């Protein structure tokens, strides 16, 4: 699922709401072993555009 996230998230990054929805789906689909990899990849690629969405999405998963 990690590779799927790496394909789909760049394609939906033009829209804040679509990115938020797809990121939530990807977070729920990846296993716990891949969650840190997804988080690191997302912050490397989307931190400048969507740092608030990333922080919120990954803090919800951690809770």
Protein backbone atom coordinates (compact mmCIF):
# COMPACT_ATOMS: atom_id res chain seq x y z
CA UNK A 1 0.00 0.00 0.00
CA UNK A 2 2.94 2.32 0.52
CA UNK A 3 3.74 2.26 -3.18
CA UNK A 4 0.09 3.01 -3.98
CA UNK A 5 0.25 6.05 -1.70
CA UNK A 6 3.37 7.26 -3.50
CA UNK A 7 1.49 7.09 -6.80
CA UNK A 8 -1.88 8.53 -5.79
CA UNK A 9 -0.92 11.37 -3.44
CA UNK A 10 1.05 13.38 -6.01
CA UNK A 11 -1.85 13.02 -8.44
CA UNK A 12 -4.34 14.55 -6.00
CA UNK A 13 -2.05 17.17 -4.51
CA UNK A 14 -3.69 19.92 -6.59
CA UNK A 15 -6.69 19.90 -4.21
CA UNK A 16 -6.44 20.35 -0.43
CA UNK A 17 -9.61 18.42 0.32
CA UNK A 18 -8.89 15.58 -2.07
CA UNK A 19 -5.35 15.31 -0.72
CA UNK A 20 -6.69 15.22 2.85
CA UNK A 21 -9.16 12.43 1.99
CA UNK A 22 -6.66 10.31 0.08
CA UNK A 23 -4.02 10.74 2.76
CA UNK A 24 -6.46 9.53 5.41
CA UNK A 25 -7.24 6.48 3.28
CA UNK A 26 -3.56 5.73 2.72
CA UNK A 27 -2.79 6.04 6.42
CA UNK A 28 -5.56 3.62 7.28
CA UNK A 29 -4.43 1.12 4.62
CA UNK A 30 -0.70 0.98 5.30
CA UNK A 31 0.44 -1.37 7.98
CA UNK A 32 2.08 -0.11 11.13
CA UNK A 33 5.44 -1.20 9.75
CA UNK A 34 5.08 1.17 6.77
CA UNK A 35 3.50 4.08 8.63
CA UNK A 36 6.82 5.78 9.50
CA UNK A 37 8.01 5.39 5.91
CA UNK A 38 4.80 6.96 4.63
CA UNK A 39 5.09 9.80 7.12
CA UNK A 40 8.70 10.54 6.18
CA UNK A 41 7.91 10.40 2.46
CA UNK A 42 4.87 12.68 2.85
CA UNK A 43 6.80 15.27 4.83
CA UNK A 44 9.66 15.19 2.31
CA UNK A 45 7.29 15.74 -0.61
CA UNK A 46 4.37 17.78 0.69
CA UNK A 47 5.49 19.65 3.80
CA UNK A 48 5.66 23.02 2.07
CA UNK A 49 2.15 22.71 0.61
CA UNK A 50 0.26 20.80 3.27
CA UNK A 51 2.18 20.80 6.55
CA UNK A 52 -1.04 21.40 8.52
CA UNK A 53 -2.84 18.49 6.87
CA UNK A 54 0.13 16.17 7.37
CA UNK A 55 0.52 17.08 11.03
CA UNK A 56 -3.18 16.57 11.68
CA UNK A 57 -3.45 13.28 9.76
CA UNK A 58 -0.43 11.65 11.37
CA UNK A 59 -1.29 12.86 14.87
CA UNK A 60 -4.75 11.30 14.57
CA UNK A 61 -3.20 7.94 13.62
CA UNK A 62 -0.76 8.14 16.53
CA UNK A 63 -3.57 8.70 19.03
